[in-house]
Amino acid sequence: MKLLLDTHLLLWTASARARLSQAATLLIDDFTNEIFFSAMSIWEIVIKSALNRPDFSVDAALLRRGLLDRGYEEIPITSTPGLAVAGLPPIHKDPFDRILIAQAISEGILLLTGDAIIAKYPGPVRLV
């Protein structure tokens, strides 16, 4: 199964695994699953780290390198999910999360999230 991790799951996978739910851990650690992360998540981390958000205080370059070294695959941002955002219902206002949802839909990948609001979106989104 192809899994796209939302930004918080990426951060927790890298440095706070105890924060991951058992369901998330099982899916992420299952070697038969392909794990993806979005370039948007790296951008979000850089921006929110610069705003001194404590939950984003990591070196984004080191995080990215570590994810790639673990075999995670990076999905670039193209105009396709950008256009797909227009078709999303106005459930969540965070532009980073909306792009992740649109990417999951556009790429046909299941988005894993720990955010109950994101999980309200129709399509390939699972709360873990």
N, C-alpha and C. Protein backbone atom coordinates (compact mmCIF):
# COMPACT_ATOMS: atom_id res chain seq x y z
N MET A 1 0.85 -1.17 0.00
CA MET A 1 0.00 0.00 0.00
C MET A 1 0.90 1.24 0.00
N LYS A 2 0.47 2.27 -0.72
CA LYS A 2 1.20 3.53 -0.76
C LYS A 2 0.61 4.47 0.28
N LEU A 3 1.49 5.00 1.14
CA LEU A 3 1.06 5.84 2.25
C LEU A 3 1.78 7.19 2.21
N LEU A 4 1.03 8.26 2.27
CA LEU A 4 1.56 9.61 2.37
C LEU A 4 1.39 10.05 3.81
N LEU A 5 2.48 10.42 4.47
CA LEU A 5 2.40 10.85 5.87
C LEU A 5 2.19 12.35 5.95
N ASP A 6 1.29 12.78 6.82
CA ASP A 6 1.14 14.21 7.01
C ASP A 6 2.36 14.73 7.78
N THR A 7 2.47 16.03 7.88
CA THR A 7 3.69 16.64 8.41
C THR A 7 3.98 16.22 9.85
N HIS A 8 2.96 16.19 10.69
CA HIS A 8 3.21 15.81 12.08
C HIS A 8 3.65 14.35 12.18
N LEU A 9 3.05 13.47 11.39
CA LEU A 9 3.49 12.07 11.43
C LEU A 9 4.95 11.95 10.99
N LEU A 10 5.35 12.75 10.00
CA LEU A 10 6.76 12.75 9.59
C LEU A 10 7.68 13.15 10.73
N LEU A 11 7.30 14.22 11.41
CA LEU A 11 8.12 14.71 12.52
C LEU A 11 8.18 13.67 13.63
N TRP A 12 7.06 13.07 13.96
CA TRP A 12 7.03 12.08 15.03
C TRP A 12 7.78 10.82 14.64
N THR A 13 7.68 10.43 13.38
CA THR A 13 8.41 9.25 12.91
C THR A 13 9.91 9.44 13.09
N ALA A 14 10.37 10.65 12.84
CA ALA A 14 11.80 10.93 12.88
C ALA A 14 12.34 11.15 14.30
N SER A 15 11.53 11.76 15.18
CA SER A 15 12.12 12.15 16.45
C SER A 15 11.26 11.93 17.69
N ALA A 16 10.02 11.50 17.53
CA ALA A 16 9.16 11.32 18.70
C ALA A 16 8.22 10.14 18.46
N ARG A 17 8.81 8.98 18.19
CA ARG A 17 8.02 7.81 17.81
C ARG A 17 6.98 7.43 18.86
N ALA A 18 7.22 7.78 20.11
CA ALA A 18 6.25 7.47 21.16
C ALA A 18 4.93 8.21 20.95
N ARG A 19 4.96 9.28 20.18
CA ARG A 19 3.74 10.05 19.91
C ARG A 19 2.87 9.39 18.83
N LEU A 20 3.44 8.47 18.07
CA LEU A 20 2.67 7.77 17.04
C LEU A 20 1.70 6.79 17.67
N SER A 21 0.52 6.69 17.11
CA SER A 21 -0.43 5.69 17.57
C SER A 21 0.07 4.31 17.17
N GLN A 22 -0.49 3.29 17.78
CA GLN A 22 -0.11 1.93 17.42
C GLN A 22 -0.47 1.65 15.96
N ALA A 23 -1.63 2.14 15.52
CA ALA A 23 -2.05 1.93 14.13
C ALA A 23 -1.06 2.58 13.16
N ALA A 24 -0.62 3.80 13.47
CA ALA A 24 0.36 4.48 12.61
C ALA A 24 1.67 3.72 12.58
N THR A 25 2.14 3.30 13.73
CA THR A 25 3.40 2.57 13.82
C THR A 25 3.35 1.29 13.00
N LEU A 26 2.27 0.55 13.12
CA LEU A 26 2.14 -0.70 12.38
C LEU A 26 2.17 -0.46 10.86
N LEU A 27 1.47 0.56 10.41
CA LEU A 27 1.45 0.85 8.97
C LEU A 27 2.80 1.35 8.47
N ILE A 28 3.43 2.23 9.23
CA ILE A 28 4.71 2.80 8.82
C ILE A 28 5.81 1.75 8.84
N ASP A 29 5.79 0.87 9.83
CA ASP A 29 6.84 -0.13 9.97
C ASP A 29 6.63 -1.37 9.10
N ASP A 30 5.48 -1.48 8.47
CA ASP A 30 5.21 -2.62 7.59
C ASP A 30 6.02 -2.46 6.31
N PHE A 31 7.02 -3.31 6.12
CA PHE A 31 7.94 -3.16 5.00
C PHE A 31 7.26 -3.36 3.64
N THR A 32 6.04 -3.89 3.63
CA THR A 32 5.33 -4.05 2.35
C THR A 32 4.67 -2.75 1.90
N ASN A 33 4.59 -1.77 2.79
CA ASN A 33 4.02 -0.47 2.43
C ASN A 33 5.10 0.45 1.88
N GLU A 34 4.73 1.27 0.91
CA GLU A 34 5.62 2.30 0.39
C GLU A 34 5.26 3.60 1.11
N ILE A 35 6.27 4.23 1.71
CA ILE A 35 6.03 5.45 2.49
C ILE A 35 6.50 6.66 1.68
N PHE A 36 5.62 7.65 1.60
CA PHE A 36 5.89 8.88 0.85
C PHE A 36 5.78 10.09 1.78
N PHE A 37 6.51 11.14 1.42
CA PHE A 37 6.34 12.43 2.07
C PHE A 37 6.28 13.48 0.99
N SER A 38 5.63 14.57 1.29
CA SER A 38 5.46 15.64 0.32
C SER A 38 6.52 16.73 0.50
N ALA A 39 6.96 17.28 -0.62
CA ALA A 39 7.83 18.45 -0.57
C ALA A 39 7.14 19.57 0.21
N MET A 40 5.81 19.57 0.18
CA MET A 40 5.04 20.57 0.92
C MET A 40 5.30 20.47 2.42
N SER A 41 5.47 19.26 2.93
CA SER A 41 5.73 19.10 4.36
C SER A 41 7.07 19.71 4.75
N ILE A 42 8.06 19.55 3.89
CA ILE A 42 9.38 20.15 4.18
C ILE A 42 9.25 21.67 4.18
N TRP A 43 8.53 22.19 3.22
CA TRP A 43 8.31 23.64 3.14
C TRP A 43 7.56 24.12 4.39
N GLU A 44 6.55 23.40 4.82
CA GLU A 44 5.80 23.76 6.01
C GLU A 44 6.71 23.79 7.24
N ILE A 45 7.57 22.80 7.37
CA ILE A 45 8.49 22.74 8.52
C ILE A 45 9.43 23.94 8.51
N VAL A 46 9.96 24.28 7.35
CA VAL A 46 10.87 25.43 7.24
C VAL A 46 10.16 26.71 7.67
N ILE A 47 8.95 26.91 7.15
CA ILE A 47 8.20 28.13 7.46
C ILE A 47 7.83 28.21 8.94
N LYS A 48 7.30 27.13 9.47
CA LYS A 48 6.84 27.16 10.86
C LYS A 48 8.01 27.15 11.86
N SER A 49 9.12 26.57 11.46
CA SER A 49 10.32 26.65 12.29
C SER A 49 10.82 28.09 12.37
N ALA A 50 10.79 28.78 11.25
CA ALA A 50 11.21 30.19 11.22
C ALA A 50 10.29 31.06 12.06
N LEU A 51 9.05 30.61 12.25
CA LEU A 51 8.10 31.34 13.10
C LEU A 51 8.23 30.93 14.57
N ASN A 52 9.27 30.13 14.86
CA ASN A 52 9.57 29.65 16.22
C ASN A 52 8.46 28.79 16.82
N ARG A 53 7.78 28.03 15.98
CA ARG A 53 6.80 27.07 16.48
C ARG A 53 7.56 25.90 17.08
N PRO A 54 7.40 25.63 18.37
CA PRO A 54 8.19 24.59 19.03
C PRO A 54 8.00 23.19 18.46
N ASP A 55 6.81 22.90 17.93
CA ASP A 55 6.57 21.57 17.37
C ASP A 55 7.20 21.39 15.99
N PHE A 56 7.82 22.43 15.46
CA PHE A 56 8.48 22.37 14.16
C PHE A 56 9.97 22.71 14.26
N SER A 57 10.53 22.65 15.44
CA SER A 57 11.92 23.06 15.63
C SER A 57 12.89 21.92 15.29
N VAL A 58 13.02 21.66 14.01
CA VAL A 58 13.96 20.66 13.51
C VAL A 58 14.69 21.24 12.32
N ASP A 59 15.81 20.64 12.00
CA ASP A 59 16.54 21.02 10.80
C ASP A 59 15.88 20.27 9.63
N ALA A 60 15.17 21.01 8.79
CA ALA A 60 14.40 20.40 7.71
C ALA A 60 15.30 19.65 6.72
N ALA A 61 16.49 20.15 6.48
CA ALA A 61 17.41 19.47 5.56
C ALA A 61 17.84 18.12 6.12
N LEU A 62 18.14 18.08 7.43
CA LEU A 62 18.51 16.80 8.06
C LEU A 62 17.32 15.84 8.09
N LEU A 63 16.14 16.37 8.37
CA LEU A 63 14.94 15.53 8.36
C LEU A 63 14.74 14.92 6.99
N ARG A 64 14.81 15.74 5.95
CA ARG A 64 14.62 15.24 4.59
C ARG A 64 15.63 14.15 4.27
N ARG A 65 16.90 14.40 4.60
CA ARG A 65 17.95 13.42 4.32
C ARG A 65 17.66 12.10 5.05
N GLY A 66 17.24 12.21 6.31
CA GLY A 66 16.93 11.01 7.09
C GLY A 66 15.76 10.23 6.51
N LEU A 67 14.74 10.94 6.04
CA LEU A 67 13.59 10.28 5.44
C LEU A 67 14.00 9.53 4.17
N LEU A 68 14.80 10.20 3.34
CA LEU A 68 15.27 9.55 2.10
C LEU A 68 16.16 8.36 2.42
N ASP A 69 17.02 8.50 3.43
CA ASP A 69 17.89 7.39 3.83
C ASP A 69 17.09 6.19 4.33
N ARG A 70 15.92 6.43 4.91
CA ARG A 70 15.05 5.34 5.38
C ARG A 70 14.26 4.70 4.25
N GLY A 71 14.37 5.25 3.06
CA GLY A 71 13.66 4.70 1.92
C GLY A 71 12.33 5.36 1.63
N TYR A 72 12.00 6.43 2.36
CA TYR A 72 10.78 7.17 2.06
C TYR A 72 10.98 7.88 0.72
N GLU A 73 9.90 8.02 -0.03
CA GLU A 73 9.96 8.67 -1.32
C GLU A 73 9.32 10.05 -1.24
N GLU A 74 9.99 11.02 -1.86
CA GLU A 74 9.49 12.39 -1.85
C GLU A 74 8.59 12.63 -3.06
N ILE A 75 7.44 13.26 -2.82
CA ILE A 75 6.54 13.64 -3.90
C ILE A 75 6.68 15.15 -4.11
N PRO A 76 7.04 15.55 -5.33
CA PRO A 76 7.15 16.99 -5.59
C PRO A 76 5.79 17.66 -5.66
N ILE A 77 5.78 18.96 -5.54
CA ILE A 77 4.55 19.72 -5.70
C ILE A 77 4.45 20.15 -7.16
N THR A 78 3.34 19.81 -7.75
CA THR A 78 3.06 20.24 -9.12
C THR A 78 1.76 21.03 -9.11
N SER A 79 1.37 21.51 -10.26
CA SER A 79 0.13 22.28 -10.33
C SER A 79 -1.12 21.40 -10.18
N THR A 80 -0.99 20.10 -10.40
CA THR A 80 -2.15 19.22 -10.32
C THR A 80 -2.83 19.26 -8.96
N PRO A 81 -2.11 19.02 -7.85
CA PRO A 81 -2.81 19.14 -6.56
C PRO A 81 -3.19 20.59 -6.25
N GLY A 82 -2.43 21.53 -6.76
CA GLY A 82 -2.79 22.94 -6.56
C GLY A 82 -4.16 23.23 -7.14
N LEU A 83 -4.42 22.71 -8.32
CA LEU A 83 -5.73 22.87 -8.94
C LEU A 83 -6.80 22.06 -8.21
N ALA A 84 -6.43 20.89 -7.72
CA ALA A 84 -7.39 20.02 -7.03
C ALA A 84 -7.89 20.62 -5.73
N VAL A 85 -7.12 21.52 -5.13
CA VAL A 85 -7.54 22.17 -3.89
C VAL A 85 -8.87 22.90 -4.09
N ALA A 86 -9.09 23.42 -5.30
CA ALA A 86 -10.33 24.16 -5.58
C ALA A 86 -11.57 23.28 -5.41
N GLY A 87 -11.43 21.98 -5.57
CA GLY A 87 -12.56 21.08 -5.45
C GLY A 87 -12.78 20.54 -4.05
N LEU A 88 -11.92 20.91 -3.10
CA LEU A 88 -12.07 20.41 -1.73
C LEU A 88 -13.13 21.20 -0.97
N PRO A 89 -13.92 20.51 -0.16
CA PRO A 89 -14.86 21.25 0.68
C PRO A 89 -14.10 22.07 1.72
N PRO A 90 -14.69 23.16 2.21
CA PRO A 90 -13.99 24.05 3.15
C PRO A 90 -14.01 23.54 4.60
N ILE A 91 -13.51 22.34 4.80
CA ILE A 91 -13.50 21.74 6.14
C ILE A 91 -12.34 22.29 6.96
N HIS A 92 -11.20 22.47 6.32
CA HIS A 92 -9.97 22.85 7.00
C HIS A 92 -9.36 24.03 6.25
N LYS A 93 -8.86 25.02 6.97
CA LYS A 93 -8.33 26.21 6.31
C LYS A 93 -6.81 26.18 6.11
N ASP A 94 -6.11 25.27 6.76
CA ASP A 94 -4.65 25.23 6.66
C ASP A 94 -4.24 24.87 5.24
N PRO A 95 -3.53 25.78 4.54
CA PRO A 95 -3.17 25.52 3.14
C PRO A 95 -2.21 24.33 2.97
N PHE A 96 -1.36 24.08 3.95
CA PHE A 96 -0.44 22.95 3.86
C PHE A 96 -1.21 21.63 3.90
N ASP A 97 -2.15 21.54 4.82
CA ASP A 97 -2.94 20.32 4.93
C ASP A 97 -3.83 20.12 3.71
N ARG A 98 -4.37 21.20 3.17
CA ARG A 98 -5.22 21.09 1.99
C ARG A 98 -4.43 20.58 0.79
N ILE A 99 -3.20 21.02 0.65
CA ILE A 99 -2.36 20.51 -0.46
C ILE A 99 -2.08 19.03 -0.24
N LEU A 100 -1.78 18.62 0.98
CA LEU A 100 -1.53 17.19 1.24
C LEU A 100 -2.74 16.34 0.87
N ILE A 101 -3.93 16.82 1.21
CA ILE A 101 -5.15 16.09 0.87
C ILE A 101 -5.29 16.01 -0.65
N ALA A 102 -5.09 17.14 -1.32
CA ALA A 102 -5.20 17.16 -2.79
C ALA A 102 -4.13 16.28 -3.43
N GLN A 103 -2.94 16.23 -2.85
CA GLN A 103 -1.89 15.35 -3.37
C GLN A 103 -2.30 13.89 -3.23
N ALA A 104 -2.84 13.53 -2.09
CA ALA A 104 -3.27 12.15 -1.88
C ALA A 104 -4.32 11.76 -2.92
N ILE A 105 -5.26 12.65 -3.16
CA ILE A 105 -6.30 12.38 -4.16
C ILE A 105 -5.69 12.29 -5.55
N SER A 106 -4.85 13.27 -5.91
CA SER A 106 -4.25 13.32 -7.25
C SER A 106 -3.35 12.12 -7.53
N GLU A 107 -2.61 11.69 -6.50
CA GLU A 107 -1.63 10.62 -6.67
C GLU A 107 -2.22 9.23 -6.40
N GLY A 108 -3.42 9.20 -5.85
CA GLY A 108 -4.02 7.92 -5.50
C GLY A 108 -3.29 7.22 -4.37
N ILE A 109 -2.88 8.01 -3.38
CA ILE A 109 -2.13 7.51 -2.23
C ILE A 109 -2.94 7.79 -0.98
N LEU A 110 -2.92 6.87 -0.03
CA LEU A 110 -3.63 7.04 1.23
C LEU A 110 -2.86 8.01 2.13
N LEU A 111 -3.50 9.09 2.53
CA LEU A 111 -2.92 10.06 3.46
C LEU A 111 -3.19 9.60 4.88
N LEU A 112 -2.13 9.41 5.64
CA LEU A 112 -2.25 9.08 7.07
C LEU A 112 -2.12 10.37 7.86
N THR A 113 -3.01 10.55 8.82
CA THR A 113 -3.00 11.76 9.63
C THR A 113 -3.42 11.45 11.06
N GLY A 114 -2.95 12.25 11.97
CA GLY A 114 -3.39 12.18 13.34
C GLY A 114 -4.40 13.27 13.65
N ASP A 115 -4.78 14.04 12.64
CA ASP A 115 -5.66 15.20 12.79
C ASP A 115 -7.10 14.81 12.41
N ALA A 116 -8.01 14.84 13.37
CA ALA A 116 -9.40 14.44 13.13
C ALA A 116 -10.11 15.35 12.13
N ILE A 117 -9.70 16.60 12.04
CA ILE A 117 -10.32 17.51 11.07
C ILE A 117 -9.94 17.10 9.65
N ILE A 118 -8.66 16.81 9.43
CA ILE A 118 -8.22 16.37 8.10
C ILE A 118 -8.94 15.08 7.72
N ALA A 119 -9.15 14.22 8.68
CA ALA A 119 -9.79 12.92 8.41
C ALA A 119 -11.25 13.05 7.99
N LYS A 120 -11.84 14.22 8.12
CA LYS A 120 -13.22 14.43 7.68
C LYS A 120 -13.34 14.55 6.17
N TYR A 121 -12.22 14.76 5.48
CA TYR A 121 -12.27 14.90 4.03
C TYR A 121 -12.61 13.58 3.37
N PRO A 122 -13.41 13.65 2.30
CA PRO A 122 -13.65 12.43 1.53
C PRO A 122 -12.39 12.06 0.76
N GLY A 123 -12.28 10.83 0.41
CA GLY A 123 -11.14 10.40 -0.38
C GLY A 123 -10.18 9.57 0.44
N PRO A 124 -8.97 9.44 -0.05
CA PRO A 124 -8.00 8.53 0.57
C PRO A 124 -7.31 9.14 1.79
N VAL A 125 -8.06 9.29 2.89
CA VAL A 125 -7.52 9.86 4.12
C VAL A 125 -7.88 8.92 5.27
N ARG A 126 -6.90 8.61 6.11
CA ARG A 126 -7.17 7.73 7.26
C ARG A 126 -6.59 8.34 8.52
N LEU A 127 -7.44 8.40 9.55
CA LEU A 127 -7.02 8.86 10.88
C LEU A 127 -6.33 7.70 11.59
N VAL A 128 -5.10 7.94 12.04
CA VAL A 128 -4.35 6.91 12.78
C VAL A 128 -3.85 7.47 14.09
